[in-house]
C-alpha atoms as a PDB file:
ATOM      1  CA  MET A   1      40.189  24.608  39.605  1.00  0.00           C
ATOM      2  CA  GLY A   2      38.914  25.318  43.069  1.00  0.00           C
ATOM      3  CA  LEU A   3      41.980  23.706  44.678  1.00  0.00           C
ATOM      4  CA  ILE A   4      44.310  25.665  42.414  1.00  0.00           C
ATOM      5  CA  GLY A   5      42.581  28.897  43.381  1.00  0.00           C
ATOM      6  CA  VAL A   6      42.924  28.104  47.119  1.00  0.00           C
ATOM      7  CA  TYR A   7      46.631  27.304  46.665  1.00  0.00           C
ATOM      8  CA  VAL A   8      47.314  30.536  44.830  1.00  0.00           C
ATOM      9  CA  ILE A   9      45.542  32.591  47.471  1.00  0.00           C
ATOM     10  CA  GLY A  10      47.357  30.752  50.285  1.00  0.00           C
ATOM     11  CA  ALA A  11      50.746  31.166  48.618  1.00  0.00           C
ATOM     12  CA  SER A  12      50.150  34.894  48.120  1.00  0.00           C
ATOM     13  CA  ALA A  13      49.135  35.292  51.751  1.00  0.00           C
ATOM     14  CA  ALA A  14      52.209  33.382  52.938  1.00  0.00           C
ATOM     15  CA  SER A  15      54.517  35.496  50.759  1.00  0.00           C
ATOM     16  CA  ALA A  16      52.906  38.663  52.024  1.00  0.00           C
ATOM     17  CA  PHE A  17      53.273  37.484  55.634  1.00  0.00           C
ATOM     18  CA  ARG A  18      57.000  36.647  55.176  1.00  0.00           C
ATOM     19  CA  ALA A  19      57.661  39.988  53.463  1.00  0.00           C
ATOM     20  CA  GLN A  20      56.074  42.006  56.332  1.00  0.00           C
ATOM     21  CA  PRO A  21      58.775  43.249  58.775  1.00  0.00           C
ATOM     22  CA  GLY A  22      58.724  42.252  62.396  1.00  0.00           C
ATOM     23  CA  PRO A  23      57.125  44.570  64.917  1.00  0.00           C
ATOM     24  CA  ASP A  24      60.470  45.983  66.247  1.00  0.00           C
ATOM     25  CA  SER A  25      62.584  46.066  63.075  1.00  0.00           C
ATOM     26  CA  ALA A  26      61.027  49.292  61.767  1.00  0.00           C
ATOM     27  CA  GLN A  27      62.067  51.064  64.954  1.00  0.00           C
ATOM     28  CA  ALA A  28      65.395  49.272  65.437  1.00  0.00           C
ATOM     29  CA  VAL A  29      67.117  50.845  62.432  1.00  0.00           C
ATOM     30  CA  PRO A  30      66.188  54.436  63.223  1.00  0.00           C
ATOM     31  CA  ARG A  31      67.072  53.941  66.877  1.00  0.00           C
ATOM     32  CA  ALA A  32      70.423  52.415  65.950  1.00  0.00           C
ATOM     33  CA  SER A  33      71.018  55.379  63.668  1.00  0.00           C
ATOM     34  CA  VAL A  34      70.163  57.822  66.440  1.00  0.00           C
ATOM     35  CA  VAL A  35      72.477  56.055  68.899  1.00  0.00           C
ATOM     36  CA  ALA A  36      75.290  55.933  66.370  1.00  0.00           C
ATOM     37  CA  SER A  37      74.750  59.580  65.547  1.00  0.00           C
ATOM     38  CA  SER A  38      74.770  60.508  69.259  1.00  0.00           C
ATOM     39  CA  VAL A  39      77.971  58.540  69.852  1.00  0.00           C
ATOM     40  CA  ARG A  40      79.584  60.216  66.832  1.00  0.00           C
ATOM     41  CA  GLU A  41      78.561  63.693  68.016  1.00  0.00           C
ATOM     42  CA  ALA A  42      79.781  62.975  71.544  1.00  0.00           C
ATOM     43  CA  ARG A  43      83.125  61.780  70.159  1.00  0.00           C
ATOM     44  CA  GLU A  44      83.437  64.932  68.032  1.00  0.00           C
ATOM     45  CA  VAL A  45      82.624  67.127  71.021  1.00  0.00           C
ATOM     46  CA  THR A  46      85.187  65.265  73.130  1.00  0.00           C
ATOM     47  CA  LEU A  47      87.847  65.554  70.455  1.00  0.00           C
ATOM     48  CA  GLN A  48      87.107  69.224  69.978  1.00  0.00           C
ATOM     49  CA  GLY A  49      87.365  69.773  73.714  1.00  0.00           C
ATOM     50  CA  VAL A  50      90.762  68.048  73.780  1.00  0.00           C
ATOM     51  CA  ALA A  51      92.103  69.734  70.672  1.00  0.00           C
ATOM     52  CA  ALA A  52      90.785  73.195  71.393  1.00  0.00           C
ATOM     53  CA  PRO A  53      93.469  75.350  73.015  1.00  0.00           C
ATOM     54  CA  VAL A  54      92.744  76.343  76.560  1.00  0.00           C
ATOM     55  CA  PRO A  55      92.528  80.113  76.702  1.00  0.00           C
ATOM     56  CA  ALA A  56      95.312  81.633  78.747  1.00  0.00           C
ATOM     57  CA  PRO A  57      94.170  83.306  81.944  1.00  0.00           C
ATOM     58  CA  ALA A  58      93.836  87.011  81.614  1.00  0.00           C
ATOM     59  CA  SER A  59      97.077  88.561  82.658  1.00  0.00           C
ATOM     60  CA  ALA A  60      96.891  90.718  85.714  1.00  0.00           C
ATOM     61  CA  PRO A  61      97.191  94.395  84.942  1.00  0.00           C
ATOM     62  CA  ALA A  62     100.732  95.665  85.195  1.00  0.00           C
ATOM     63  CA  SER A  63     101.358  97.120  88.585  1.00  0.00           C
ATOM     64  CA  ALA A  64     101.475 100.877  88.615  1.00  0.00           C
ATOM     65  CA  PRO A  65     104.975 102.272  88.777  1.00  0.00           C
ATOM     66  CA  ALA A  66     106.113 103.610  92.072  1.00  0.00           C
ATOM     67  CA  SER A  67     104.925 107.066  92.452  1.00  0.00           C
ATOM     68  CA  ALA A  68     107.586 109.524  91.430  1.00  0.00           C
ATOM     69  CA  PRO A  69     108.642 112.261  93.825  1.00  0.00           C
ATOM     70  CA  ALA A  70     106.441 115.338  93.692  1.00  0.00           C
ATOM     71  CA  SER A  71     107.686 117.935  91.217  1.00  0.00           C
ATOM     72  CA  ARG A  72     107.008 120.715  93.711  1.00  0.00           C
ATOM     73  CA  SER A  73     108.778 120.987  97.026  1.00  0.00           C
ATOM     74  CA  PRO A  74     106.672 119.607  99.896  1.00  0.00           C
ATOM     75  CA  VAL A  75     108.100 122.340 102.148  1.00  0.00           C
ATOM     76  CA  ALA A  76     108.196 126.022 101.255  1.00  0.00           C
ATOM     77  CA  LEU A  77     109.782 129.040 102.861  1.00  0.00           C
ATOM     78  CA  ILE A  78     107.324 130.975 104.991  1.00  0.00           C
ATOM     79  CA  VAL A  79     109.430 134.124 105.303  1.00  0.00           C
ATOM     80  CA  ARG A  80     108.911 136.843 102.704  1.00  0.00           C
ATOM     81  CA  GLU A  81     111.434 137.748 100.025  1.00  0.00           C
ATOM     82  CA  GLY A  82     114.185 139.941 101.419  1.00  0.00           C
ATOM     83  CA  ARG A  83     115.069 140.459 105.074  1.00  0.00           C
ATOM     84  CA  THR A  84     113.065 139.240 108.071  1.00  0.00           C
ATOM     85  CA  THR A  85     114.046 139.793 111.690  1.00  0.00           C
ATOM     86  CA  LEU A  86     113.725 136.708 113.883  1.00  0.00           C
ATOM     87  CA  PRO A  87     113.901 136.530 117.707  1.00  0.00           C
ATOM     88  CA  ASP A  88     117.234 137.249 119.455  1.00  0.00           C
ATOM     89  CA  SER A  89     118.355 139.656 116.682  1.00  0.00           C
ATOM     90  CA  ILE A  90     118.764 136.828 114.172  1.00  0.00           C
ATOM     91  CA  ILE A  91     118.186 137.788 110.538  1.00  0.00           C
ATOM     92  CA  ALA A  92     116.699 135.667 107.750  1.00  0.00           C
ATOM     93  CA  GLU A  93     117.585 136.869 104.254  1.00  0.00           C
ATOM     94  CA  ARG A  94     115.519 135.142 101.596  1.00  0.00           C
ATOM     95  CA  GLY A  95     116.500 135.115  97.944  1.00  0.00           C
ATOM     96  CA  GLY A  96     114.279 132.970  95.719  1.00  0.00           C
ATOM     97  CA  ASP A  97     114.182 129.375  96.946  1.00  0.00           C
ATOM     98  CA  SER A  98     117.052 129.709  99.441  1.00  0.00           C
ATOM     99  CA  VAL A  99     117.541 131.574 102.681  1.00  0.00           C
ATOM    100  CA  ILE A 100     120.541 132.686 104.731  1.00  0.00           C
ATOM    101  CA  VAL A 101     120.008 132.747 108.487  1.00  0.00           C
ATOM    102  CA  ASP A 102     122.510 135.186 110.033  1.00  0.00           C
ATOM    103  CA  PHE A 103     123.119 134.732 113.759  1.00  0.00           C
ATOM    104  CA  ASP A 104     126.327 136.758 114.075  1.00  0.00           C
ATOM    105  CA  THR A 105     125.600 137.928 117.604  1.00  0.00           C
ATOM    106  CA  PRO A 106     127.667 137.434 120.768  1.00  0.00           C
ATOM    107  CA  ALA A 107     125.092 134.969 122.135  1.00  0.00           C
ATOM    108  CA  ALA A 108     124.680 132.838 118.998  1.00  0.00           C
ATOM    109  CA  ARG A 109     127.884 132.687 116.925  1.00  0.00           C
ATOM    110  CA  THR A 110     129.880 129.605 117.758  1.00  0.00           C
ATOM    111  CA  ARG A 111     132.598 127.080 117.100  1.00  0.00           C
ATOM    112  CA  ARG A 112     130.726 124.270 118.853  1.00  0.00           C
ATOM    113  CA  ARG A 113     128.660 121.678 117.022  1.00  0.00           C
ATOM    114  CA  ASP A 114     126.027 121.351 119.760  1.00  0.00           C
ATOM    115  CA  LYS A 115     125.480 125.111 119.877  1.00  0.00           C
ATOM    116  CA  PHE A 116     125.180 125.300 116.081  1.00  0.00           C
ATOM    117  CA  GLU A 117     122.588 122.517 116.140  1.00  0.00           C
ATOM    118  CA  ASP A 118     120.652 124.341 118.851  1.00  0.00           C
ATOM    119  CA  VAL A 119     120.493 127.491 116.699  1.00  0.00           C
ATOM    120  CA  VAL A 120     119.382 125.438 113.679  1.00  0.00           C
ATOM    121  CA  ARG A 121     116.628 123.706 115.649  1.00  0.00           C
ATOM    122  CA  ARG A 122     115.341 127.061 116.959  1.00  0.00           C
ATOM    123  CA  THR A 123     115.460 129.005 113.705  1.00  0.00           C
ATOM    124  CA  LEU A 124     114.814 126.559 110.853  1.00  0.00           C
ATOM    125  CA  PRO A 125     111.108 126.111 111.748  1.00  0.00           C
ATOM    126  CA  LEU A 126     110.764 129.912 111.773  1.00  0.00           C
ATOM    127  CA  VAL A 127     111.669 130.064 108.090  1.00  0.00           C
ATOM    128  CA  TYR A 128     110.186 126.749 106.854  1.00  0.00           C
ATOM    129  CA  GLY A 129     107.268 126.098 109.195  1.00  0.00           C
ATOM    130  CA  ALA A 130     105.940 123.253 111.300  1.00  0.00           C
ATOM    131  CA  THR A 131     106.762 120.480 108.812  1.00  0.00           C
ATOM    132  CA  VAL A 132     110.479 121.077 109.261  1.00  0.00           C
ATOM    133  CA  ASP A 133     110.016 121.244 113.028  1.00  0.00           C
ATOM    134  CA  SER A 134     108.519 117.730 112.868  1.00  0.00           C
ATOM    135  CA  VAL A 135     111.492 116.526 110.792  1.00  0.00           C
ATOM    136  CA  LEU A 136     113.976 117.980 113.269  1.00  0.00           C
ATOM    137  CA  ARG A 137     112.247 116.177 116.151  1.00  0.00           C
ATOM    138  CA  THR A 138     113.050 112.849 114.489  1.00  0.00           C
ATOM    139  CA  ILE A 139     116.798 113.648 114.349  1.00  0.00           C
ATOM    140  CA  PRO A 140     118.644 112.762 117.552  1.00  0.00           C
ATOM    141  CA  ALA A 141     120.904 115.246 119.283  1.00  0.00           C
ATOM    142  CA  GLY A 142     124.129 115.604 117.322  1.00  0.00           C
ATOM    143  CA  GLY A 143     122.529 114.084 114.218  1.00  0.00           C
ATOM    144  CA  ILE A 144     122.522 117.247 112.120  1.00  0.00           C
ATOM    145  CA  VAL A 145     126.275 117.761 112.116  1.00  0.00           C
ATOM    146  CA  GLY A 146     127.293 114.210 112.948  1.00  0.00           C
ATOM    147  CA  GLY A 147     131.017 113.625 113.162  1.00  0.00           C
ATOM    148  CA  ILE A 148     131.895 116.253 110.520  1.00  0.00           C
ATOM    149  CA  ASP A 149     134.116 119.163 111.510  1.00  0.00           C
ATOM    150  CA  LEU A 150     131.863 122.192 111.863  1.00  0.00           C
ATOM    151  CA  LEU A 151     134.437 124.830 110.912  1.00  0.00           C
ATOM    152  CA  THR A 152     136.196 123.189 107.966  1.00  0.00           C
ATOM    153  CA  ASP A 153     134.330 120.244 106.432  1.00  0.00           C
ATOM    154  CA  LEU A 154     130.655 121.021 107.014  1.00  0.00           C
ATOM    155  CA  PRO A 155     130.711 124.412 105.216  1.00  0.00           C
ATOM    156  CA  ARG A 156     132.010 122.556 102.157  1.00  0.00           C
ATOM    157  CA  ARG A 157     130.008 119.339 102.364  1.00  0.00           C
ATOM    158  CA  GLY A 158     126.787 120.585 103.926  1.00  0.00           C
ATOM    159  CA  ALA A 159     124.234 118.781 106.098  1.00  0.00           C
ATOM    160  CA  HIS A 160     121.381 117.099 104.226  1.00  0.00           C
ATOM    161  CA  LEU A 161     118.121 116.469 106.083  1.00  0.00           C
ATOM    162  CA  LYS A 162     115.587 114.069 104.540  1.00  0.00           C
ATOM    163  CA  VAL A 163     112.243 115.878 104.512  1.00  0.00           C
ATOM    164  CA  ALA A 164     110.023 113.815 102.173  1.00  0.00           C
ATOM    165  CA  ALA A 165     110.290 111.205  99.415  1.00  0.00           C
ATOM    166  CA  GLY A 166     112.712 112.620  96.869  1.00  0.00           C
ATOM    167  CA  TRP A 167     113.371 115.858  98.777  1.00  0.00           C
ATOM    168  CA  THR A 168     116.181 117.028 101.059  1.00  0.00           C
ATOM    169  CA  LEU A 169     116.735 120.191 103.061  1.00  0.00           C
ATOM    170  CA  ASP A 170     120.384 121.162 102.636  1.00  0.00           C
ATOM    171  CA  LEU A 171     122.261 123.322 105.134  1.00  0.00           C
ATOM    172  CA  TRP A 172     125.694 124.938 104.728  1.00  0.00           C
ATOM    173  CA  PRO A 173     127.260 126.758 107.685  1.00  0.00           C
ATOM    174  CA  GLU A 174     128.549 130.292 106.964  1.00  0.00           C
ATOM    175  CA  THR A 175     131.824 131.243 108.641  1.00  0.00           C
ATOM    176  CA  ARG A 176     133.947 134.341 109.162  1.00  0.00           C
ATOM    177  CA  PRO A 177     137.364 134.864 110.737  1.00  0.00           C
ATOM    178  CA  GLY A 178     137.351 135.408 114.497  1.00  0.00           C
ATOM    179  CA  GLN A 179     139.951 136.454 117.025  1.00  0.00           C
ATOM    180  CA  ASP A 180     140.833 132.846 117.808  1.00  0.00           C
ATOM    181  CA  GLY A 181     140.002 131.301 114.447  1.00  0.00           C
ATOM    182  CA  PRO A 182     136.922 130.914 112.236  1.00  0.00           C
ATOM    183  CA  LEU A 183     133.436 131.296 113.690  1.00  0.00           C
ATOM    184  CA  VAL A 184     130.151 129.930 112.403  1.00  0.00           C
ATOM    185  CA  VAL A 185     127.884 132.966 112.126  1.00  0.00           C
ATOM    186  CA  GLY A 186     125.023 131.676 109.993  1.00  0.00           C
ATOM    187  CA  TYR A 187     123.816 129.004 107.610  1.00  0.00           C
ATOM    188  CA  ARG A 188     122.330 128.828 104.136  1.00  0.00           C
ATOM    189  CA  ALA A 189     119.356 126.539 103.535  1.00  0.00           C
ATOM    190  CA  ARG A 190     117.591 125.290 100.417  1.00  0.00           C
ATOM    191  CA  MET A 191     115.217 122.471  99.487  1.00  0.00           C
ATOM    192  CA  THR A 192     116.599 120.248  96.731  1.00  0.00           C
ATOM    193  CA  ARG A 193     115.384 117.171  94.893  1.00  0.00           C
ATOM    194  CA  ASP A 194     117.402 114.029  95.530  1.00  0.00           C
ATOM    195  CA  GLY A 195     120.017 113.556  92.831  1.00  0.00           C
ATOM    196  CA  SER A 196     120.051 117.190  91.747  1.00  0.00           C
ATOM    197  CA  LEU A 197     123.216 119.200  91.832  1.00  0.00           C
ATOM    198  CA  ARG A 198     123.677 120.997  95.110  1.00  0.00           C
END
């Protein structure tokens, strides 16, 4: 009976020893699970990064349109409404936004282009101010009339001086009959917007 009891106790101890897990197996499974889980999450993150659409770069703001010409004339008449006497007995007659400069005097009336230009360069700043004087300084001698006939074509076509972006100062010679043919005795001037009817 004693031997049987020892055998039973020994067998139970051996079974219990075999059933007990090894020192690392309890940690191996959880660690393997953690590693597998980490690999799975990393794969999902990678796949999401590949599949996710790359946001388009923010489009640059549309460039502002070119500034339109000013609605008001950059140059204004400085003579008062009505008649103003200028030097050398020249008369400026203003009506609204235009002016007629009358130089029908023996010293000023002319048939010559260079003489007409000289009168324009002397008188136009007196009715429009220093801005126009600066514009005239940029025009070479002979550039106001150009190659156009002063007595026939220019009174019909006019001379058009660029003053500012979108604005032109238009001049039309005024003529009258003379003893030897027509004479230029004045000019009409007005600021106009480019493209408007003259």
